[in-house]
Amino acid sequence: MTQDLLPVTRIPRTGLPAHAVVVGDPARAAAVAALLDGAEEVSYHREYRVFSGSWKGVPVVVASHGVGAPGAILLFQELADAGVRTFVRFGTAGAMKPGIGDGDLVIAEAAVRDDGVTHQLLPPEYPAVSAPEAVLALQRAARQAGAPHHRGVVWTRAAFQPGLLPLFSYAGAGLAAIEMELSALLVTASLRGLVAGGVLVIDGANADELVDEQATGGYDPHREVVAAGVERGAVVSLEALRLLAEAEAEGEQA
């Protein structure tokens, strides 16, 4: 019955696991879901493709949110309405400072709210911060996987392509990476008392001084080094959810 489905994403109002990995690409959602035991497709409407299954005994959701924060925040809100309480955003990003290589993971401690949607919901002074336990779980999972990784603040920016305005207004601020949706998730989680974090695979360099277009041929996220990083990042995301679920269970028993 349609009243049993949420209006935008068409996911069930009840019955979903409490832990979710959210990604941009519907095809990536399917690839991450393929790592689960008993994976089933729950729904597929617009860019919102949703699976459920389990990772090492922990029930999880894997869902896609498309490109850009205005659409992504609708998924985050409806997953929360459906009972999801812990989120890991697993995506791709451009490096913003030297020493962060293609295929490396960036674990977000916080995000710049340049996402094109949250400024319409809250004053700009409101922060977009990851839950500390999510940061630590992602870092532990990355270490266990032997994945090259970094921690830092990321820039969530609505525009993908540069325009007439200067792109690097945050040059010198020590940002680790730039992406398009994370701050919307972190704000949603803070407002609703949820746990959220993010891990991003570097698929290119965005800072001017890091880009060698003659050597690289320009932006190309479809290289083997990026694909290998995505494979590692999928495992890190799921394992971080398991660690968070384990810590929650121990806290309830204490």
C-alpha atoms as a PDB file:
ATOM      1  CA  MET A   1       0.000   0.000   0.000  1.00  0.00           C
ATOM      2  CA  THR A   2       1.344   3.432  -0.895  1.00  0.00           C
ATOM      3  CA  GLN A   3       0.691   4.798   2.612  1.00  0.00           C
ATOM      4  CA  ASP A   4       3.256   2.302   3.902  1.00  0.00           C
ATOM      5  CA  LEU A   5       5.963   3.904   1.741  1.00  0.00           C
ATOM      6  CA  LEU A   6       7.674   7.222   2.337  1.00  0.00           C
ATOM      7  CA  PRO A   7       6.791   9.789  -0.330  1.00  0.00           C
ATOM      8  CA  VAL A   8      10.089  10.747  -1.972  1.00  0.00           C
ATOM      9  CA  THR A   9      12.297   7.656  -1.830  1.00  0.00           C
ATOM     10  CA  ARG A  10       9.468   5.093  -1.696  1.00  0.00           C
ATOM     11  CA  ILE A  11      11.178   3.126   1.058  1.00  0.00           C
ATOM     12  CA  PRO A  12       9.106   1.313   3.699  1.00  0.00           C
ATOM     13  CA  ARG A  13       8.121   3.374   6.730  1.00  0.00           C
ATOM     14  CA  THR A  14       9.156   0.555   9.059  1.00  0.00           C
ATOM     15  CA  GLY A  15      11.259  -2.572   9.083  1.00  0.00           C
ATOM     16  CA  LEU A  16      14.647  -1.286   7.898  1.00  0.00           C
ATOM     17  CA  PRO A  17      17.868  -1.970   9.847  1.00  0.00           C
ATOM     18  CA  ALA A  18      19.170   0.808  12.092  1.00  0.00           C
ATOM     19  CA  HIS A  19      22.593   1.083  10.407  1.00  0.00           C
ATOM     20  CA  ALA A  20      23.153   2.402   6.885  1.00  0.00           C
ATOM     21  CA  VAL A  21      25.866   3.019   4.314  1.00  0.00           C
ATOM     22  CA  VAL A  22      24.810   5.780   1.925  1.00  0.00           C
ATOM     23  CA  VAL A  23      26.480   6.322  -1.450  1.00  0.00           C
ATOM     24  CA  GLY A  24      25.890   8.524  -4.462  1.00  0.00           C
ATOM     25  CA  ASP A  25      25.759   6.063  -7.351  1.00  0.00           C
ATOM     26  CA  PRO A  26      22.941   3.473  -7.538  1.00  0.00           C
ATOM     27  CA  ALA A  27      25.411   1.075  -9.166  1.00  0.00           C
ATOM     28  CA  ARG A  28      27.781   1.533  -6.225  1.00  0.00           C
ATOM     29  CA  ALA A  29      24.928   0.751  -3.851  1.00  0.00           C
ATOM     30  CA  ALA A  30      24.473  -2.546  -5.677  1.00  0.00           C
ATOM     31  CA  ALA A  31      28.215  -3.256  -5.508  1.00  0.00           C
ATOM     32  CA  VAL A  32      28.358  -2.617  -1.761  1.00  0.00           C
ATOM     33  CA  ALA A  33      25.202  -4.660  -1.217  1.00  0.00           C
ATOM     34  CA  ALA A  34      26.848  -7.567  -3.053  1.00  0.00           C
ATOM     35  CA  LEU A  35      29.233  -7.839  -0.072  1.00  0.00           C
ATOM     36  CA  LEU A  36      26.329  -8.472   2.296  1.00  0.00           C
ATOM     37  CA  ASP A  37      24.809 -11.757   3.356  1.00  0.00           C
ATOM     38  CA  GLY A  38      21.224 -12.167   2.247  1.00  0.00           C
ATOM     39  CA  ALA A  39      21.146  -8.919   0.296  1.00  0.00           C
ATOM     40  CA  GLU A  40      17.761  -7.913  -1.104  1.00  0.00           C
ATOM     41  CA  GLU A  41      16.709  -4.863  -3.064  1.00  0.00           C
ATOM     42  CA  VAL A  42      14.128  -3.000  -1.008  1.00  0.00           C
ATOM     43  CA  SER A  43      13.216  -0.276  -3.490  1.00  0.00           C
ATOM     44  CA  TYR A  44      14.476   1.684  -6.496  1.00  0.00           C
ATOM     45  CA  HIS A  45      12.831   5.031  -7.202  1.00  0.00           C
ATOM     46  CA  ARG A  46      14.560   7.890  -9.021  1.00  0.00           C
ATOM     47  CA  GLU A  47      18.186   7.949  -7.797  1.00  0.00           C
ATOM     48  CA  TYR A  48      17.246   6.232  -4.544  1.00  0.00           C
ATOM     49  CA  ARG A  49      18.209   2.550  -4.707  1.00  0.00           C
ATOM     50  CA  VAL A  50      17.970   0.746  -1.378  1.00  0.00           C
ATOM     51  CA  PHE A  51      19.160  -2.699  -0.257  1.00  0.00           C
ATOM     52  CA  SER A  52      19.115  -4.554   3.039  1.00  0.00           C
ATOM     53  CA  GLY A  53      21.239  -7.449   4.248  1.00  0.00           C
ATOM     54  CA  SER A  54      23.787  -8.191   6.936  1.00  0.00           C
ATOM     55  CA  TRP A  55      27.516  -7.699   7.421  1.00  0.00           C
ATOM     56  CA  LYS A  56      29.116 -10.140   9.861  1.00  0.00           C
ATOM     57  CA  GLY A  57      25.797 -10.576  11.587  1.00  0.00           C
ATOM     58  CA  VAL A  58      24.835  -6.883  11.722  1.00  0.00           C
ATOM     59  CA  PRO A  59      21.717  -5.929   9.719  1.00  0.00           C
ATOM     60  CA  VAL A  60      22.470  -2.965   7.466  1.00  0.00           C
ATOM     61  CA  VAL A  61      20.934  -0.779   4.784  1.00  0.00           C
ATOM     62  CA  VAL A  62      22.841   0.290   1.679  1.00  0.00           C
ATOM     63  CA  ALA A  63      21.221   3.182  -0.175  1.00  0.00           C
ATOM     64  CA  SER A  64      22.079   5.604  -2.987  1.00  0.00           C
ATOM     65  CA  HIS A  65      21.279   9.308  -2.855  1.00  0.00           C
ATOM     66  CA  GLY A  66      22.407  10.623  -6.240  1.00  0.00           C
ATOM     67  CA  VAL A  67      24.547  13.695  -6.897  1.00  0.00           C
ATOM     68  CA  GLY A  68      24.192  16.817  -4.769  1.00  0.00           C
ATOM     69  CA  ALA A  69      23.023  17.616  -1.270  1.00  0.00           C
ATOM     70  CA  PRO A  70      19.486  18.915  -2.003  1.00  0.00           C
ATOM     71  CA  GLY A  71      18.415  15.496  -3.276  1.00  0.00           C
ATOM     72  CA  ALA A  72      20.602  13.533  -0.883  1.00  0.00           C
ATOM     73  CA  ILE A  73      19.141  15.147   2.230  1.00  0.00           C
ATOM     74  CA  LEU A  74      15.731  13.765   1.268  1.00  0.00           C
ATOM     75  CA  LEU A  75      17.116  10.233   1.494  1.00  0.00           C
ATOM     76  CA  PHE A  76      18.823  10.951   4.811  1.00  0.00           C
ATOM     77  CA  GLN A  77      15.620  12.365   6.271  1.00  0.00           C
ATOM     78  CA  GLU A  78      13.427   9.519   5.078  1.00  0.00           C
ATOM     79  CA  LEU A  79      15.878   6.828   6.197  1.00  0.00           C
ATOM     80  CA  ALA A  80      15.825   8.473   9.625  1.00  0.00           C
ATOM     81  CA  ASP A  81      12.010   8.521   9.504  1.00  0.00           C
ATOM     82  CA  ALA A  82      12.151   4.790   8.732  1.00  0.00           C
ATOM     83  CA  GLY A  83      14.294   4.060  11.790  1.00  0.00           C
ATOM     84  CA  VAL A  84      17.919   4.332  10.642  1.00  0.00           C
ATOM     85  CA  ARG A  85      20.013   5.704  13.509  1.00  0.00           C
ATOM     86  CA  THR A  86      23.612   5.309  12.330  1.00  0.00           C
ATOM     87  CA  PHE A  87      24.933   6.503   8.959  1.00  0.00           C
ATOM     88  CA  VAL A  88      28.235   6.241   7.110  1.00  0.00           C
ATOM     89  CA  ARG A  89      28.499   8.181   3.874  1.00  0.00           C
ATOM     90  CA  PHE A  90      30.848   6.391   1.493  1.00  0.00           C
ATOM     91  CA  GLY A  91      31.726   8.482  -1.526  1.00  0.00           C
ATOM     92  CA  THR A  92      34.466   9.944  -3.706  1.00  0.00           C
ATOM     93  CA  ALA A  93      36.230  13.275  -3.383  1.00  0.00           C
ATOM     94  CA  GLY A  94      39.020  15.428  -4.727  1.00  0.00           C
ATOM     95  CA  ALA A  95      42.189  15.943  -2.692  1.00  0.00           C
ATOM     96  CA  MET A  96      42.760  19.461  -1.394  1.00  0.00           C
ATOM     97  CA  LYS A  97      46.293  19.229  -0.050  1.00  0.00           C
ATOM     98  CA  PRO A  98      49.563  17.424  -0.817  1.00  0.00           C
ATOM     99  CA  GLY A  99      50.196  13.988   0.589  1.00  0.00           C
ATOM    100  CA  ILE A 100      46.704  12.635  -0.111  1.00  0.00           C
ATOM    101  CA  GLY A 101      46.940  10.318  -3.085  1.00  0.00           C
ATOM    102  CA  ASP A 102      44.517   8.805  -5.555  1.00  0.00           C
ATOM    103  CA  GLY A 103      42.740   5.826  -4.018  1.00  0.00           C
ATOM    104  CA  ASP A 104      43.461   6.988  -0.452  1.00  0.00           C
ATOM    105  CA  LEU A 105      40.616   7.300   2.027  1.00  0.00           C
ATOM    106  CA  VAL A 106      39.730  10.531   3.808  1.00  0.00           C
ATOM    107  CA  ILE A 107      37.797  10.160   7.058  1.00  0.00           C
ATOM    108  CA  ALA A 108      35.815  13.327   7.661  1.00  0.00           C
ATOM    109  CA  GLU A 109      35.987  14.966  11.069  1.00  0.00           C
ATOM    110  CA  ALA A 110      33.698  17.813   9.945  1.00  0.00           C
ATOM    111  CA  ALA A 111      32.518  19.532   6.786  1.00  0.00           C
ATOM    112  CA  VAL A 112      32.221  23.046   5.417  1.00  0.00           C
ATOM    113  CA  ARG A 113      28.511  23.730   4.809  1.00  0.00           C
ATOM    114  CA  ASP A 114      28.663  24.974   1.220  1.00  0.00           C
ATOM    115  CA  ASP A 115      26.148  22.324   0.175  1.00  0.00           C
ATOM    116  CA  GLY A 116      23.376  24.474  -1.307  1.00  0.00           C
ATOM    117  CA  VAL A 117      20.626  23.277   1.034  1.00  0.00           C
ATOM    118  CA  THR A 118      21.414  23.415   4.756  1.00  0.00           C
ATOM    119  CA  HIS A 119      21.795  27.200   4.736  1.00  0.00           C
ATOM    120  CA  GLN A 120      18.058  27.256   3.963  1.00  0.00           C
ATOM    121  CA  LEU A 121      17.399  25.197   7.105  1.00  0.00           C
ATOM    122  CA  LEU A 122      19.793  26.643   9.688  1.00  0.00           C
ATOM    123  CA  PRO A 123      22.025  29.660  10.278  1.00  0.00           C
ATOM    124  CA  PRO A 124      25.491  29.323   8.710  1.00  0.00           C
ATOM    125  CA  GLU A 125      27.133  29.274  12.152  1.00  0.00           C
ATOM    126  CA  TYR A 126      25.627  25.837  12.902  1.00  0.00           C
ATOM    127  CA  PRO A 127      28.414  23.244  12.511  1.00  0.00           C
ATOM    128  CA  ALA A 128      28.497  20.087  10.408  1.00  0.00           C
ATOM    129  CA  VAL A 129      30.465  17.613  12.519  1.00  0.00           C
ATOM    130  CA  SER A 130      30.923  13.863  12.453  1.00  0.00           C
ATOM    131  CA  ALA A 131      30.117  11.844  15.538  1.00  0.00           C
ATOM    132  CA  PRO A 132      33.460  11.153  17.291  1.00  0.00           C
ATOM    133  CA  GLU A 133      32.635   7.461  17.606  1.00  0.00           C
ATOM    134  CA  ALA A 134      32.046   7.267  13.843  1.00  0.00           C
ATOM    135  CA  VAL A 135      35.423   8.879  13.116  1.00  0.00           C
ATOM    136  CA  LEU A 136      37.195   6.443  15.417  1.00  0.00           C
ATOM    137  CA  ALA A 137      35.328   3.416  14.050  1.00  0.00           C
ATOM    138  CA  LEU A 138      36.211   4.381  10.470  1.00  0.00           C
ATOM    139  CA  GLN A 139      39.842   4.937  11.429  1.00  0.00           C
ATOM    140  CA  ARG A 140      40.019   1.565  13.167  1.00  0.00           C
ATOM    141  CA  ALA A 141      38.381  -0.175  10.200  1.00  0.00           C
ATOM    142  CA  ALA A 142      40.805   1.503   7.777  1.00  0.00           C
ATOM    143  CA  ARG A 143      43.769   0.373   9.841  1.00  0.00           C
ATOM    144  CA  GLN A 144      42.439  -3.184   9.977  1.00  0.00           C
ATOM    145  CA  ALA A 145      41.991  -3.163   6.191  1.00  0.00           C
ATOM    146  CA  GLY A 146      45.483  -1.764   5.599  1.00  0.00           C
ATOM    147  CA  ALA A 147      43.934   1.107   3.656  1.00  0.00           C
ATOM    148  CA  PRO A 148      45.916   4.350   3.247  1.00  0.00           C
ATOM    149  CA  HIS A 149      43.836   6.948   5.035  1.00  0.00           C
ATOM    150  CA  HIS A 150      43.788  10.480   6.406  1.00  0.00           C
ATOM    151  CA  ARG A 151      41.573  12.434   8.806  1.00  0.00           C
ATOM    152  CA  GLY A 152      40.477  16.009   8.321  1.00  0.00           C
ATOM    153  CA  VAL A 153      37.845  18.581   7.472  1.00  0.00           C
ATOM    154  CA  VAL A 154      36.218  18.276   4.056  1.00  0.00           C
ATOM    155  CA  TRP A 155      34.479  20.864   1.908  1.00  0.00           C
ATOM    156  CA  THR A 156      30.954  20.011   0.808  1.00  0.00           C
ATOM    157  CA  ARG A 157      30.279  22.180  -2.242  1.00  0.00           C
ATOM    158  CA  ALA A 158      27.104  22.277  -4.335  1.00  0.00           C
ATOM    159  CA  ALA A 159      28.758  23.146  -7.668  1.00  0.00           C
ATOM    160  CA  PHE A 160      30.826  20.429  -9.305  1.00  0.00           C
ATOM    161  CA  GLN A 161      32.213  22.474 -12.187  1.00  0.00           C
ATOM    162  CA  PRO A 162      34.048  25.782 -11.538  1.00  0.00           C
ATOM    163  CA  GLY A 163      32.352  29.011 -12.586  1.00  0.00           C
ATOM    164  CA  LEU A 164      33.307  32.666 -12.554  1.00  0.00           C
ATOM    165  CA  LEU A 165      33.685  32.788  -8.774  1.00  0.00           C
ATOM    166  CA  PRO A 166      37.034  31.671  -7.319  1.00  0.00           C
ATOM    167  CA  LEU A 167      36.865  27.957  -6.500  1.00  0.00           C
ATOM    168  CA  PHE A 168      39.511  27.834  -3.818  1.00  0.00           C
ATOM    169  CA  SER A 169      38.245  30.366  -1.329  1.00  0.00           C
ATOM    170  CA  TYR A 170      39.390  27.984   1.425  1.00  0.00           C
ATOM    171  CA  ALA A 171      42.981  27.730   0.211  1.00  0.00           C
ATOM    172  CA  GLY A 172      45.313  27.601   3.167  1.00  0.00           C
ATOM    173  CA  ALA A 173      42.589  26.411   5.545  1.00  0.00           C
ATOM    174  CA  GLY A 174      43.968  22.873   5.684  1.00  0.00           C
ATOM    175  CA  LEU A 175      40.965  21.148   4.123  1.00  0.00           C
ATOM    176  CA  ALA A 176      41.588  17.515   3.194  1.00  0.00           C
ATOM    177  CA  ALA A 177      39.108  16.989   0.354  1.00  0.00           C
ATOM    178  CA  ILE A 178      36.112  18.365  -1.530  1.00  0.00           C
ATOM    179  CA  GLU A 179      32.825  16.531  -2.191  1.00  0.00           C
ATOM    180  CA  MET A 180      29.114  17.305  -2.583  1.00  0.00           C
ATOM    181  CA  GLU A 181      26.825  15.757   0.078  1.00  0.00           C
ATOM    182  CA  LEU A 182      28.409  15.037   3.443  1.00  0.00           C
ATOM    183  CA  SER A 183      27.565  18.233   5.324  1.00  0.00           C
ATOM    184  CA  ALA A 184      23.861  17.660   4.644  1.00  0.00           C
ATOM    185  CA  LEU A 185      24.111  14.260   6.323  1.00  0.00           C
ATOM    186  CA  LEU A 186      26.055  15.577   9.306  1.00  0.00           C
ATOM    187  CA  VAL A 187      23.593  18.409   9.889  1.00  0.00           C
ATOM    188  CA  THR A 188      20.619  16.051   9.584  1.00  0.00           C
ATOM    189  CA  ALA A 189      22.193  13.679  12.077  1.00  0.00           C
ATOM    190  CA  SER A 190      22.967  16.416  14.592  1.00  0.00           C
ATOM    191  CA  LEU A 191      19.442  17.803  14.399  1.00  0.00           C
ATOM    192  CA  ARG A 192      17.896  14.388  14.942  1.00  0.00           C
ATOM    193  CA  GLY A 193      20.287  12.970  17.528  1.00  0.00           C
ATOM    194  CA  LEU A 194      21.765  10.371  15.169  1.00  0.00           C
ATOM    195  CA  VAL A 195      25.303   9.040  14.642  1.00  0.00           C
ATOM    196  CA  ALA A 196      26.922   9.904  11.313  1.00  0.00           C
ATOM    197  CA  GLY A 197      30.325  10.006   9.672  1.00  0.00           C
ATOM    198  CA  GLY A 198      31.887   9.804   6.265  1.00  0.00           C
ATOM    199  CA  VAL A 199      34.735   8.143   4.406  1.00  0.00           C
ATOM    200  CA  LEU A 200      35.738   9.325   0.939  1.00  0.00           C
ATOM    201  CA  VAL A 201      37.901   7.779  -1.765  1.00  0.00           C
ATOM    202  CA  ILE A 202      40.175  10.255  -3.514  1.00  0.00           C
ATOM    203  CA  ASP A 203      39.601  10.163  -7.278  1.00  0.00           C
ATOM    204  CA  GLY A 204      41.689  13.182  -8.270  1.00  0.00           C
ATOM    205  CA  ALA A 205      43.269  16.434  -7.096  1.00  0.00           C
ATOM    206  CA  ASN A 206      41.331  19.693  -6.882  1.00  0.00           C
ATOM    207  CA  ALA A 207      43.816  22.224  -5.550  1.00  0.00           C
ATOM    208  CA  ASP A 208      45.498  24.112  -8.397  1.00  0.00           C
ATOM    209  CA  GLU A 209      49.020  23.362  -7.242  1.00  0.00           C
ATOM    210  CA  LEU A 210      48.269  19.611  -7.137  1.00  0.00           C
ATOM    211  CA  VAL A 211      46.886  19.273 -10.647  1.00  0.00           C
ATOM    212  CA  ASP A 212      49.222  18.293 -13.485  1.00  0.00           C
ATOM    213  CA  GLU A 213      46.789  18.016 -16.392  1.00  0.00           C
ATOM    214  CA  GLN A 214      49.592  17.390 -18.894  1.00  0.00           C
ATOM    215  CA  ALA A 215      50.652  14.318 -16.916  1.00  0.00           C
ATOM    216  CA  THR A 216      47.208  13.096 -15.906  1.00  0.00           C
ATOM    217  CA  GLY A 217      45.095  14.072 -18.892  1.00  0.00           C
ATOM    218  CA  GLY A 218      42.660  15.842 -16.577  1.00  0.00           C
ATOM    219  CA  TYR A 219      40.015  14.495 -14.235  1.00  0.00           C
ATOM    220  CA  ASP A 220      39.379  10.761 -14.669  1.00  0.00           C
ATOM    221  CA  PRO A 221      37.682   8.930 -11.790  1.00  0.00           C
ATOM    222  CA  HIS A 222      37.565   5.635 -13.710  1.00  0.00           C
ATOM    223  CA  ARG A 223      41.138   4.493 -13.109  1.00  0.00           C
ATOM    224  CA  GLU A 224      42.273   1.262 -11.485  1.00  0.00           C
ATOM    225  CA  VAL A 225      43.820   3.050  -8.511  1.00  0.00           C
ATOM    226  CA  VAL A 226      40.453   4.647  -7.748  1.00  0.00           C
ATOM    227  CA  ALA A 227      38.567   1.373  -8.245  1.00  0.00           C
ATOM    228  CA  ALA A 228      40.912  -0.325  -5.769  1.00  0.00           C
ATOM    229  CA  GLY A 229      40.271   2.464  -3.275  1.00  0.00           C
ATOM    230  CA  VAL A 230      36.527   2.072  -3.720  1.00  0.00           C
ATOM    231  CA  GLU A 231      36.781  -1.661  -3.006  1.00  0.00           C
ATOM    232  CA  ARG A 232      38.710  -0.944   0.195  1.00  0.00           C
ATOM    233  CA  GLY A 233      36.351   1.852   1.163  1.00  0.00           C
ATOM    234  CA  ALA A 234      33.290  -0.376   0.859  1.00  0.00           C
ATOM    235  CA  VAL A 235      34.748  -2.856   3.337  1.00  0.00           C
ATOM    236  CA  VAL A 236      35.880  -0.060   5.661  1.00  0.00           C
ATOM    237  CA  SER A 237      32.388   1.476   5.651  1.00  0.00           C
ATOM    238  CA  LEU A 238      30.641  -1.783   6.468  1.00  0.00           C
ATOM    239  CA  GLU A 239      33.178  -2.758   9.100  1.00  0.00           C
ATOM    240  CA  ALA A 240      32.847   0.648  10.758  1.00  0.00           C
ATOM    241  CA  LEU A 241      29.099   0.078  11.020  1.00  0.00           C
ATOM    242  CA  ARG A 242      29.777  -3.280  12.649  1.00  0.00           C
ATOM    243  CA  LEU A 243      32.117  -1.677  15.169  1.00  0.00           C
ATOM    244  CA  LEU A 244      29.553   1.002  15.947  1.00  0.00           C
ATOM    245  CA  ALA A 245      26.789  -1.572  16.372  1.00  0.00           C
ATOM    246  CA  GLU A 246      29.045  -3.623  18.655  1.00  0.00           C
ATOM    247  CA  ALA A 247      29.837  -0.569  20.789  1.00  0.00           C
ATOM    248  CA  GLU A 248      26.138   0.322  20.997  1.00  0.00           C
ATOM    249  CA  ALA A 249      25.272  -3.190  22.165  1.00  0.00           C
ATOM    250  CA  GLU A 250      28.001  -3.096  24.808  1.00  0.00           C
ATOM    251  CA  GLY A 251      26.743   0.292  26.000  1.00  0.00           C
ATOM    252  CA  GLU A 252      23.196  -1.036  26.356  1.00  0.00           C
ATOM    253  CA  GLN A 253      24.443  -3.994  28.389  1.00  0.00           C
ATOM    254  CA  ALA A 254      26.555  -1.839  30.724  1.00  0.00           C
END
